C-alpha cells in the first residue's frame, strides 16, 4: 500500500508546479505592425522549389542546414538503395544467363539473389517516397512560416494551469485559455 506521506509529497510537488504565475512579466518584445516586413506565402512556396529556398526567403537561416541535411541524407539513402538494387538486378540476370558473377555472390542461389533484389527495390521505392515527402514538407513549412510571420503576439491571451480538485485524492489539471 502506498504510504500517505508519499501521496502528500506528490500532491505538494504537483501543486507547486501548477501554481498560477500571473505576476511574472512576459519577456517577449512585441513588434508593432509597421516594424514587421511582409512575407508573401506564395513567394515562399515558389522559393521552396530550391532546396531550403523558402527558409532562406523567410530569413530563417538556422533552418537551412536542417532542411539540407534531411534532404541530403535521404538522397544518400536513395542512391545507396539504387546502387545495390542495380547491382543485385545485374547479378540475378547474369546468373540466369549463366554468366559469371563476383566471388562473394556466386554462392547465392537464384532465389536468394531475387530476394536481395526485391528488398533493395522496396527500400528504393520507400526512399523515393520519403525524399518527396521531406521536399514537400520543407515547402509547406516555408509557406506556413511566411503566413504566420506577421501573426500578432499580444499580452491579451493567457494560459493558466491550476489543480482542479485540490482536496481530493487523485490528480487533476484545469487549463484555462482566455483573454486578460
N, C-alpha and C. Protein backbone atom coordinates (compact mmCIF):
# COMPACT_ATOMS: atom_id res chain seq x y z
N UNK A 1 0.85 -1.18 0.00
CA UNK A 1 0.00 0.00 0.00
C UNK A 1 0.90 1.25 0.00
N UNK A 2 0.50 2.22 -0.72
CA UNK A 2 1.28 3.45 -0.82
C UNK A 2 1.12 4.25 0.46
N UNK A 3 2.22 4.69 0.97
CA UNK A 3 2.23 5.46 2.21
C UNK A 3 1.59 6.83 1.97
N UNK A 4 0.89 7.35 2.98
CA UNK A 4 0.21 8.64 2.85
C UNK A 4 1.20 9.78 2.71
N UNK A 5 2.41 9.62 3.26
CA UNK A 5 3.40 10.68 3.13
C UNK A 5 3.80 10.86 1.66
N UNK A 6 3.94 9.75 0.94
CA UNK A 6 4.32 9.83 -0.46
C UNK A 6 3.22 10.49 -1.28
N UNK A 7 1.99 10.19 -0.98
CA UNK A 7 0.87 10.83 -1.69
C UNK A 7 0.87 12.32 -1.41
N UNK A 8 1.12 12.72 -0.18
CA UNK A 8 1.15 14.14 0.17
C UNK A 8 2.30 14.85 -0.53
N UNK A 9 3.47 14.20 -0.59
CA UNK A 9 4.62 14.82 -1.25
C UNK A 9 4.35 15.00 -2.74
N UNK A 10 3.79 13.99 -3.39
CA UNK A 10 3.47 14.11 -4.81
C UNK A 10 2.45 15.21 -5.03
N UNK A 11 1.45 15.29 -4.18
CA UNK A 11 0.42 16.33 -4.32
C UNK A 11 1.02 17.71 -4.14
N UNK A 12 1.91 17.89 -3.17
CA UNK A 12 2.54 19.19 -2.95
C UNK A 12 3.41 19.57 -4.14
N UNK A 13 4.18 18.63 -4.64
CA UNK A 13 5.03 18.93 -5.80
C UNK A 13 4.20 19.30 -7.03
N UNK A 14 3.10 18.58 -7.26
CA UNK A 14 2.23 18.93 -8.39
C UNK A 14 1.58 20.28 -8.19
N UNK A 15 1.21 20.60 -6.95
CA UNK A 15 0.60 21.90 -6.68
C UNK A 15 1.58 23.03 -6.91
N UNK A 16 2.85 22.82 -6.51
CA UNK A 16 3.86 23.85 -6.74
C UNK A 16 4.10 24.03 -8.23
N UNK A 17 4.11 22.93 -8.99
CA UNK A 17 4.36 23.00 -10.42
C UNK A 17 3.26 23.74 -11.16
N UNK A 18 2.03 23.56 -10.74
CA UNK A 18 0.90 24.15 -11.45
C UNK A 18 0.38 25.42 -10.79
N UNK A 19 1.22 26.13 -10.05
CA UNK A 19 0.81 27.38 -9.42
C UNK A 19 0.64 28.43 -10.50
N UNK A 20 -0.40 29.24 -10.38
CA UNK A 20 -0.67 30.30 -11.34
C UNK A 20 0.39 31.39 -11.17
N UNK A 21 1.07 31.74 -12.23
CA UNK A 21 2.15 32.72 -12.17
C UNK A 21 1.78 33.95 -12.99
N UNK A 22 0.69 34.59 -12.65
CA UNK A 22 0.26 35.77 -13.39
C UNK A 22 1.13 36.98 -13.11
N UNK A 23 1.83 36.99 -11.98
CA UNK A 23 2.62 38.16 -11.62
C UNK A 23 3.92 38.26 -12.40
N UNK A 24 4.33 37.22 -13.07
CA UNK A 24 5.58 37.24 -13.84
C UNK A 24 5.40 38.08 -15.09
N UNK A 25 6.44 38.84 -15.41
CA UNK A 25 6.41 39.69 -16.60
C UNK A 25 6.80 38.87 -17.81
N UNK A 26 6.13 39.13 -18.92
CA UNK A 26 6.47 38.46 -20.15
C UNK A 26 7.67 39.15 -20.76
N UNK A 27 8.69 38.39 -21.12
CA UNK A 27 9.92 38.98 -21.64
C UNK A 27 9.94 39.07 -23.16
N UNK A 28 8.86 38.69 -23.83
CA UNK A 28 8.82 38.74 -25.28
C UNK A 28 8.55 40.17 -25.72
N UNK A 29 9.40 40.67 -26.58
CA UNK A 29 9.18 42.01 -27.12
C UNK A 29 8.22 41.91 -28.29
N UNK A 30 7.12 42.62 -28.19
CA UNK A 30 6.12 42.59 -29.24
C UNK A 30 6.45 43.70 -30.23
N UNK A 31 6.61 43.32 -31.49
CA UNK A 31 6.90 44.30 -32.52
C UNK A 31 5.60 44.87 -33.05
N UNK A 32 5.63 46.13 -33.35
CA UNK A 32 4.45 46.76 -33.91
C UNK A 32 4.27 46.32 -35.36
N UNK A 33 3.07 46.46 -35.86
CA UNK A 33 2.74 46.01 -37.21
C UNK A 33 3.59 46.71 -38.26
N UNK A 34 3.97 47.97 -38.01
CA UNK A 34 4.75 48.70 -39.01
C UNK A 34 6.20 48.20 -39.06
N UNK A 35 6.71 47.54 -37.99
CA UNK A 35 8.07 47.06 -37.98
C UNK A 35 8.23 45.72 -38.68
N UNK A 36 7.15 45.01 -38.91
CA UNK A 36 7.22 43.67 -39.49
C UNK A 36 7.24 43.79 -41.01
N UNK A 37 8.30 43.26 -41.62
CA UNK A 37 8.34 43.26 -43.08
C UNK A 37 7.43 42.14 -43.58
N UNK A 38 6.63 42.43 -44.58
CA UNK A 38 5.67 41.41 -45.03
C UNK A 38 6.35 40.25 -45.73
N UNK A 39 5.86 39.07 -45.48
CA UNK A 39 6.30 37.86 -46.17
C UNK A 39 5.10 37.34 -46.96
N UNK A 40 5.33 37.05 -48.20
CA UNK A 40 4.25 36.56 -49.06
C UNK A 40 4.36 35.04 -49.12
N UNK A 41 3.33 34.32 -48.63
CA UNK A 41 3.41 32.86 -48.60
C UNK A 41 3.62 32.23 -49.97
N UNK A 42 3.02 32.83 -51.00
CA UNK A 42 3.16 32.28 -52.35
C UNK A 42 4.62 32.36 -52.82
N UNK A 43 5.28 33.48 -52.49
CA UNK A 43 6.69 33.62 -52.85
C UNK A 43 7.55 32.63 -52.09
N UNK A 44 7.21 32.40 -50.82
CA UNK A 44 7.97 31.44 -50.02
C UNK A 44 7.84 30.04 -50.62
N UNK A 45 6.63 29.69 -51.09
CA UNK A 45 6.43 28.38 -51.70
C UNK A 45 7.21 28.28 -53.02
N UNK A 46 7.23 29.36 -53.80
CA UNK A 46 7.99 29.35 -55.05
C UNK A 46 9.50 29.26 -54.77
N UNK A 47 9.97 29.98 -53.75
CA UNK A 47 11.36 29.86 -53.36
C UNK A 47 11.66 28.46 -52.84
N UNK A 48 10.65 27.78 -52.33
CA UNK A 48 10.81 26.43 -51.81
C UNK A 48 11.12 25.41 -52.88
N UNK A 49 10.96 25.77 -54.15
CA UNK A 49 11.34 24.85 -55.23
C UNK A 49 12.83 24.53 -55.14
N UNK A 50 13.63 25.55 -54.76
CA UNK A 50 15.04 25.29 -54.46
C UNK A 50 15.12 24.65 -53.08
N UNK A 51 15.95 23.67 -52.88
CA UNK A 51 16.04 23.08 -51.54
C UNK A 51 16.43 24.13 -50.50
N UNK A 52 15.60 24.28 -49.49
CA UNK A 52 15.71 25.24 -48.39
C UNK A 52 15.64 26.70 -48.86
N UNK A 53 15.15 26.93 -50.06
CA UNK A 53 14.99 28.29 -50.54
C UNK A 53 13.89 29.05 -49.81
N UNK A 54 12.83 28.36 -49.45
CA UNK A 54 11.74 29.01 -48.72
C UNK A 54 12.18 29.45 -47.33
N UNK A 55 13.01 28.66 -46.67
CA UNK A 55 13.52 29.03 -45.37
C UNK A 55 14.46 30.23 -45.49
N UNK A 56 15.23 30.26 -46.56
CA UNK A 56 16.11 31.40 -46.82
C UNK A 56 15.30 32.65 -47.10
N UNK A 57 14.21 32.54 -47.86
CA UNK A 57 13.34 33.68 -48.15
C UNK A 57 12.72 34.23 -46.87
N UNK A 58 12.34 33.34 -45.96
CA UNK A 58 11.72 33.77 -44.71
C UNK A 58 12.73 34.25 -43.68
N UNK A 59 14.00 34.25 -44.05
CA UNK A 59 15.10 34.66 -43.18
C UNK A 59 15.17 33.81 -41.92
N UNK A 60 14.88 32.54 -42.08
CA UNK A 60 15.05 31.56 -41.01
C UNK A 60 16.30 30.75 -41.36
N UNK A 61 17.44 31.42 -41.23
CA UNK A 61 18.70 30.84 -41.69
C UNK A 61 19.09 29.59 -40.90
N UNK A 62 18.65 29.48 -39.68
CA UNK A 62 19.00 28.32 -38.87
C UNK A 62 18.32 27.05 -39.37
N UNK A 63 17.24 27.20 -40.16
CA UNK A 63 16.54 26.03 -40.68
C UNK A 63 17.17 25.50 -41.97
N UNK A 64 17.97 26.33 -42.63
CA UNK A 64 18.58 25.94 -43.91
C UNK A 64 19.43 24.68 -43.78
N UNK A 65 20.36 24.59 -42.80
CA UNK A 65 21.15 23.35 -42.71
C UNK A 65 20.31 22.14 -42.31
N UNK A 66 19.23 22.37 -41.55
CA UNK A 66 18.37 21.25 -41.18
C UNK A 66 17.69 20.66 -42.40
N UNK A 67 17.15 21.52 -43.25
CA UNK A 67 16.46 21.05 -44.45
C UNK A 67 17.46 20.41 -45.41
N UNK A 68 18.60 21.06 -45.60
CA UNK A 68 19.61 20.50 -46.49
C UNK A 68 20.15 19.18 -45.96
N UNK A 69 20.32 19.07 -44.65
CA UNK A 69 20.78 17.82 -44.06
C UNK A 69 19.77 16.70 -44.23
N UNK A 70 18.49 17.01 -44.02
CA UNK A 70 17.45 15.99 -44.18
C UNK A 70 17.36 15.54 -45.64
N UNK A 71 17.33 16.50 -46.55
CA UNK A 71 17.24 16.14 -47.97
C UNK A 71 18.51 15.42 -48.44
N UNK A 72 19.67 15.87 -47.95
CA UNK A 72 20.92 15.21 -48.33
C UNK A 72 21.00 13.79 -47.81
N UNK A 73 20.58 13.59 -46.57
CA UNK A 73 20.58 12.25 -46.00
C UNK A 73 19.63 11.31 -46.74
N UNK A 74 18.46 11.82 -47.07
CA UNK A 74 17.50 10.99 -47.82
C UNK A 74 17.99 10.73 -49.24
N UNK A 75 18.67 11.70 -49.84
CA UNK A 75 19.23 11.49 -51.17
C UNK A 75 20.33 10.42 -51.12
N UNK A 76 21.16 10.47 -50.07
CA UNK A 76 22.20 9.45 -49.91
C UNK A 76 21.57 8.07 -49.76
N UNK A 77 20.51 7.97 -48.95
CA UNK A 77 19.82 6.69 -48.75
C UNK A 77 19.24 6.19 -50.08
N UNK A 78 18.69 7.10 -50.87
CA UNK A 78 18.15 6.74 -52.17
C UNK A 78 19.24 6.21 -53.10
N UNK A 79 20.37 6.89 -53.15
CA UNK A 79 21.47 6.44 -54.01
C UNK A 79 22.05 5.11 -53.54
N UNK A 80 22.12 4.92 -52.23
CA UNK A 80 22.59 3.65 -51.68
C UNK A 80 21.69 2.51 -52.14
N UNK A 81 20.39 2.68 -51.99
CA UNK A 81 19.45 1.64 -52.40
C UNK A 81 19.44 1.43 -53.91
N UNK A 82 19.59 2.53 -54.68
CA UNK A 82 19.61 2.40 -56.13
C UNK A 82 20.82 1.62 -56.60
N UNK A 83 21.98 1.89 -55.99
CA UNK A 83 23.19 1.19 -56.43
C UNK A 83 23.12 -0.30 -56.11
N UNK A 84 22.63 -0.65 -54.92
CA UNK A 84 22.52 -2.07 -54.58
C UNK A 84 21.41 -2.76 -55.36
N UNK A 85 20.35 -2.04 -55.66
CA UNK A 85 19.29 -2.64 -56.48
C UNK A 85 19.81 -2.97 -57.88
N UNK A 86 20.50 -2.03 -58.50
CA UNK A 86 21.03 -2.30 -59.85
C UNK A 86 22.11 -3.39 -59.81
N UNK A 87 22.88 -3.42 -58.72
CA UNK A 87 23.92 -4.45 -58.59
C UNK A 87 23.28 -5.84 -58.50
N UNK A 88 22.30 -6.01 -57.63
CA UNK A 88 21.69 -7.32 -57.48
C UNK A 88 20.80 -7.68 -58.67
N UNK A 89 20.24 -6.68 -59.32
CA UNK A 89 19.48 -6.94 -60.54
C UNK A 89 20.41 -7.51 -61.62
N UNK A 90 21.59 -6.89 -61.75
CA UNK A 90 22.56 -7.39 -62.72
C UNK A 90 23.08 -8.77 -62.37
N UNK A 91 23.34 -9.02 -61.08
CA UNK A 91 23.80 -10.35 -60.67
C UNK A 91 22.74 -11.41 -60.94
N UNK A 92 21.48 -11.07 -60.67
CA UNK A 92 20.39 -12.01 -60.89
C UNK A 92 20.25 -12.34 -62.37
N UNK A 93 20.30 -11.31 -63.22
CA UNK A 93 20.20 -11.53 -64.67
C UNK A 93 21.40 -12.33 -65.19
N UNK A 94 22.60 -12.01 -64.68
CA UNK A 94 23.79 -12.76 -65.11
C UNK A 94 23.72 -14.22 -64.69
N UNK A 95 23.22 -14.46 -63.49
CA UNK A 95 23.12 -15.85 -63.00
C UNK A 95 22.10 -16.62 -63.85
N UNK A 96 21.01 -15.97 -64.24
CA UNK A 96 20.02 -16.65 -65.08
C UNK A 96 20.58 -16.97 -66.46
N UNK A 97 21.44 -16.07 -66.99
CA UNK A 97 22.03 -16.28 -68.31
C UNK A 97 23.26 -17.20 -68.26
N UNK A 98 23.73 -17.51 -67.07
CA UNK A 98 24.89 -18.38 -66.95
C UNK A 98 26.20 -17.64 -66.97
N UNK A 99 26.19 -16.32 -66.91
CA UNK A 99 27.42 -15.53 -66.89
C UNK A 99 28.02 -15.57 -65.49
N UNK A 100 29.35 -15.44 -65.38
CA UNK A 100 29.97 -15.44 -64.04
C UNK A 100 29.67 -14.14 -63.29
N UNK A 101 29.54 -14.28 -61.98
CA UNK A 101 29.32 -13.11 -61.12
C UNK A 101 30.43 -13.08 -60.08
N UNK A 102 30.66 -11.93 -59.41
CA UNK A 102 31.78 -11.79 -58.47
C UNK A 102 31.74 -12.82 -57.33
N UNK A 103 32.89 -13.01 -56.72
CA UNK A 103 33.14 -14.08 -55.76
C UNK A 103 32.18 -14.18 -54.59
N UNK A 104 31.91 -13.14 -53.81
CA UNK A 104 31.06 -13.41 -52.64
C UNK A 104 29.63 -13.77 -53.00
N UNK A 105 29.18 -13.38 -54.19
CA UNK A 105 27.78 -13.60 -54.55
C UNK A 105 27.55 -14.84 -55.41
N UNK A 106 28.62 -15.49 -55.85
CA UNK A 106 28.43 -16.64 -56.73
C UNK A 106 27.89 -17.86 -55.97
N UNK A 107 27.97 -17.83 -54.65
CA UNK A 107 27.44 -18.94 -53.85
C UNK A 107 25.95 -18.81 -53.56
N UNK A 108 25.36 -17.67 -53.91
CA UNK A 108 23.94 -17.46 -53.65
C UNK A 108 23.10 -18.13 -54.73
N UNK A 109 21.94 -18.61 -54.32
CA UNK A 109 21.03 -19.22 -55.30
C UNK A 109 20.27 -18.14 -56.05
N UNK A 110 19.54 -18.57 -57.08
CA UNK A 110 18.73 -17.61 -57.85
C UNK A 110 17.67 -16.96 -56.95
N UNK A 111 17.07 -17.75 -56.08
CA UNK A 111 16.03 -17.22 -55.21
C UNK A 111 16.60 -16.20 -54.22
N UNK A 112 17.78 -16.46 -53.69
CA UNK A 112 18.40 -15.51 -52.77
C UNK A 112 18.76 -14.20 -53.47
N UNK A 113 19.30 -14.30 -54.70
CA UNK A 113 19.60 -13.08 -55.46
C UNK A 113 18.32 -12.31 -55.77
N UNK A 114 17.27 -13.04 -56.12
CA UNK A 114 15.98 -12.40 -56.40
C UNK A 114 15.45 -11.70 -55.15
N UNK A 115 15.58 -12.35 -53.98
CA UNK A 115 15.10 -11.76 -52.74
C UNK A 115 15.88 -10.49 -52.39
N UNK A 116 17.21 -10.51 -52.56
CA UNK A 116 18.00 -9.31 -52.32
C UNK A 116 17.60 -8.18 -53.26
N UNK A 117 17.37 -8.53 -54.52
CA UNK A 117 16.94 -7.52 -55.50
C UNK A 117 15.61 -6.90 -55.07
N UNK A 118 14.67 -7.72 -54.62
CA UNK A 118 13.36 -7.23 -54.21
C UNK A 118 13.45 -6.37 -52.94
N UNK A 119 14.31 -6.75 -52.01
CA UNK A 119 14.47 -5.96 -50.79
C UNK A 119 14.97 -4.56 -51.13
N UNK A 120 15.99 -4.49 -51.98
CA UNK A 120 16.52 -3.17 -52.33
C UNK A 120 15.57 -2.39 -53.23
N UNK A 121 14.75 -3.07 -54.01
CA UNK A 121 13.73 -2.37 -54.80
C UNK A 121 12.71 -1.71 -53.89
N UNK A 122 12.25 -2.46 -52.87
CA UNK A 122 11.28 -1.89 -51.93
C UNK A 122 11.88 -0.73 -51.15
N UNK A 123 13.12 -0.89 -50.71
CA UNK A 123 13.79 0.20 -50.00
C UNK A 123 14.00 1.41 -50.90
N UNK A 124 14.27 1.17 -52.17
CA UNK A 124 14.43 2.27 -53.12
C UNK A 124 13.12 3.03 -53.29
N UNK A 125 12.03 2.31 -53.41
CA UNK A 125 10.73 2.97 -53.53
C UNK A 125 10.38 3.76 -52.27
N UNK A 126 10.67 3.17 -51.12
CA UNK A 126 10.42 3.90 -49.86
C UNK A 126 11.28 5.15 -49.76
N UNK A 127 12.53 5.06 -50.17
CA UNK A 127 13.40 6.22 -50.08
C UNK A 127 12.95 7.33 -51.04
N UNK A 128 12.44 6.97 -52.22
CA UNK A 128 11.88 7.98 -53.11
C UNK A 128 10.67 8.66 -52.47
N UNK A 129 9.82 7.89 -51.82
CA UNK A 129 8.63 8.46 -51.17
C UNK A 129 9.04 9.39 -50.04
N UNK A 130 9.98 8.96 -49.18
CA UNK A 130 10.41 9.81 -48.07
C UNK A 130 11.12 11.06 -48.56
N UNK A 131 11.88 10.95 -49.62
CA UNK A 131 12.55 12.12 -50.17
C UNK A 131 11.53 13.12 -50.70
N UNK A 132 10.53 12.63 -51.40
CA UNK A 132 9.48 13.53 -51.91
C UNK A 132 8.69 14.16 -50.76
N UNK A 133 8.38 13.39 -49.74
CA UNK A 133 7.64 13.93 -48.59
C UNK A 133 8.46 14.99 -47.85
N UNK A 134 9.74 14.75 -47.67
CA UNK A 134 10.59 15.74 -46.99
C UNK A 134 10.68 17.02 -47.81
N UNK A 135 10.77 16.88 -49.13
CA UNK A 135 10.83 18.05 -50.01
C UNK A 135 9.52 18.84 -49.93
N UNK A 136 8.40 18.15 -49.99
CA UNK A 136 7.11 18.83 -49.88
C UNK A 136 6.89 19.42 -48.50
N UNK A 137 7.39 18.75 -47.48
CA UNK A 137 7.27 19.28 -46.12
C UNK A 137 8.07 20.56 -45.94
N UNK A 138 9.24 20.64 -46.57
CA UNK A 138 10.02 21.88 -46.48
C UNK A 138 9.31 23.03 -47.18
N UNK A 139 8.63 22.74 -48.28
CA UNK A 139 7.86 23.79 -48.97
C UNK A 139 6.66 24.20 -48.12
N UNK A 140 5.96 23.23 -47.53
CA UNK A 140 4.81 23.55 -46.69
C UNK A 140 5.24 24.32 -45.44
N UNK A 141 6.40 23.99 -44.88
CA UNK A 141 6.89 24.71 -43.71
C UNK A 141 7.22 26.15 -44.07
N UNK A 142 7.83 26.37 -45.21
CA UNK A 142 8.16 27.73 -45.64
C UNK A 142 6.89 28.54 -45.89
N UNK A 143 5.89 27.92 -46.51
CA UNK A 143 4.62 28.58 -46.76
C UNK A 143 3.94 28.96 -45.44
N UNK A 144 3.90 28.04 -44.50
CA UNK A 144 3.26 28.30 -43.21
C UNK A 144 4.03 29.34 -42.41
N UNK A 145 5.34 29.28 -42.44
CA UNK A 145 6.14 30.25 -41.72
C UNK A 145 5.95 31.65 -42.28
N UNK A 146 5.85 31.78 -43.59
CA UNK A 146 5.60 33.08 -44.19
C UNK A 146 4.21 33.58 -43.85
N UNK A 147 3.26 32.67 -43.81
CA UNK A 147 1.88 33.06 -43.48
C UNK A 147 1.77 33.53 -42.03
N UNK A 148 2.49 32.90 -41.12
CA UNK A 148 2.40 33.24 -39.70
C UNK A 148 3.45 34.26 -39.27
N UNK A 149 4.20 34.79 -40.21
CA UNK A 149 5.26 35.74 -39.87
C UNK A 149 4.71 37.00 -39.21
N UNK A 150 3.61 37.49 -39.68
CA UNK A 150 3.04 38.72 -39.13
C UNK A 150 1.97 38.44 -38.09
N UNK A 151 1.95 37.24 -37.54
CA UNK A 151 0.97 36.90 -36.52
C UNK A 151 1.23 37.73 -35.27
N UNK A 152 0.18 38.35 -34.76
CA UNK A 152 0.29 39.25 -33.62
C UNK A 152 0.35 38.46 -32.32
N UNK A 153 1.46 38.62 -31.61
CA UNK A 153 1.60 38.01 -30.29
C UNK A 153 1.35 39.12 -29.28
N UNK A 154 0.20 39.07 -28.66
CA UNK A 154 -0.13 40.14 -27.73
C UNK A 154 -0.27 39.60 -26.32
N UNK A 155 -0.34 40.52 -25.36
CA UNK A 155 -0.49 40.15 -23.96
C UNK A 155 -1.94 39.86 -23.60
N UNK A 156 -2.84 39.95 -24.54
CA UNK A 156 -4.25 39.74 -24.25
C UNK A 156 -4.63 38.27 -24.13
N UNK A 157 -3.75 37.40 -24.55
CA UNK A 157 -4.03 35.96 -24.48
C UNK A 157 -3.26 35.39 -23.29
N UNK A 158 -3.91 34.56 -22.49
CA UNK A 158 -3.24 33.97 -21.35
C UNK A 158 -3.59 32.49 -21.27
N UNK A 159 -2.69 31.74 -20.65
CA UNK A 159 -2.89 30.32 -20.41
C UNK A 159 -2.50 30.07 -18.97
N UNK A 160 -3.43 29.56 -18.18
CA UNK A 160 -3.15 29.26 -16.79
C UNK A 160 -3.47 27.80 -16.52
N UNK A 161 -2.67 27.20 -15.67
CA UNK A 161 -2.91 25.82 -15.25
C UNK A 161 -2.99 25.80 -13.74
N UNK A 162 -4.00 25.17 -13.20
CA UNK A 162 -4.18 25.06 -11.75
C UNK A 162 -4.68 23.66 -11.44
N UNK A 163 -4.43 23.20 -10.21
CA UNK A 163 -5.02 21.91 -9.84
C UNK A 163 -6.53 22.04 -9.80
N UNK A 164 -7.24 21.05 -10.31
CA UNK A 164 -8.70 21.19 -10.42
C UNK A 164 -9.43 20.83 -9.14
N UNK A 165 -8.95 19.85 -8.39
CA UNK A 165 -9.59 19.47 -7.14
C UNK A 165 -8.50 19.33 -6.09
N UNK A 166 -8.17 20.39 -5.38
CA UNK A 166 -7.01 20.35 -4.51
C UNK A 166 -7.15 19.49 -3.26
N UNK A 167 -8.37 19.18 -2.80
CA UNK A 167 -8.52 18.48 -1.53
C UNK A 167 -9.06 17.07 -1.68
N UNK A 168 -8.88 16.45 -2.82
CA UNK A 168 -9.31 15.07 -3.01
C UNK A 168 -8.13 14.24 -3.49
N UNK A 169 -8.24 12.95 -3.34
CA UNK A 169 -7.20 12.08 -3.85
C UNK A 169 -7.29 12.02 -5.37
N UNK A 170 -6.18 11.96 -6.01
CA UNK A 170 -6.15 11.95 -7.46
C UNK A 170 -5.54 13.24 -7.96
N UNK A 171 -5.24 13.26 -9.21
CA UNK A 171 -4.60 14.42 -9.80
C UNK A 171 -5.50 14.95 -10.89
N UNK A 172 -5.72 16.24 -10.90
CA UNK A 172 -6.50 16.87 -11.94
C UNK A 172 -5.85 18.18 -12.33
N UNK A 173 -6.00 18.53 -13.56
CA UNK A 173 -5.41 19.77 -14.06
C UNK A 173 -6.51 20.56 -14.74
N UNK A 174 -6.58 21.84 -14.41
CA UNK A 174 -7.54 22.72 -15.05
C UNK A 174 -6.75 23.69 -15.91
N UNK A 175 -7.03 23.70 -17.20
CA UNK A 175 -6.32 24.58 -18.14
C UNK A 175 -7.33 25.60 -18.63
N UNK A 176 -6.97 26.88 -18.47
CA UNK A 176 -7.85 27.95 -18.88
C UNK A 176 -7.16 28.77 -19.95
N UNK A 177 -7.81 28.93 -21.07
CA UNK A 177 -7.27 29.75 -22.17
C UNK A 177 -8.26 30.87 -22.39
N UNK A 178 -7.79 32.09 -22.26
CA UNK A 178 -8.71 33.20 -22.45
C UNK A 178 -7.98 34.52 -22.44
N UNK A 179 -8.73 35.58 -22.55
CA UNK A 179 -8.16 36.91 -22.56
C UNK A 179 -8.01 37.46 -21.15
N UNK A 180 -7.12 38.42 -21.01
CA UNK A 180 -6.91 39.02 -19.70
C UNK A 180 -7.94 40.08 -19.43
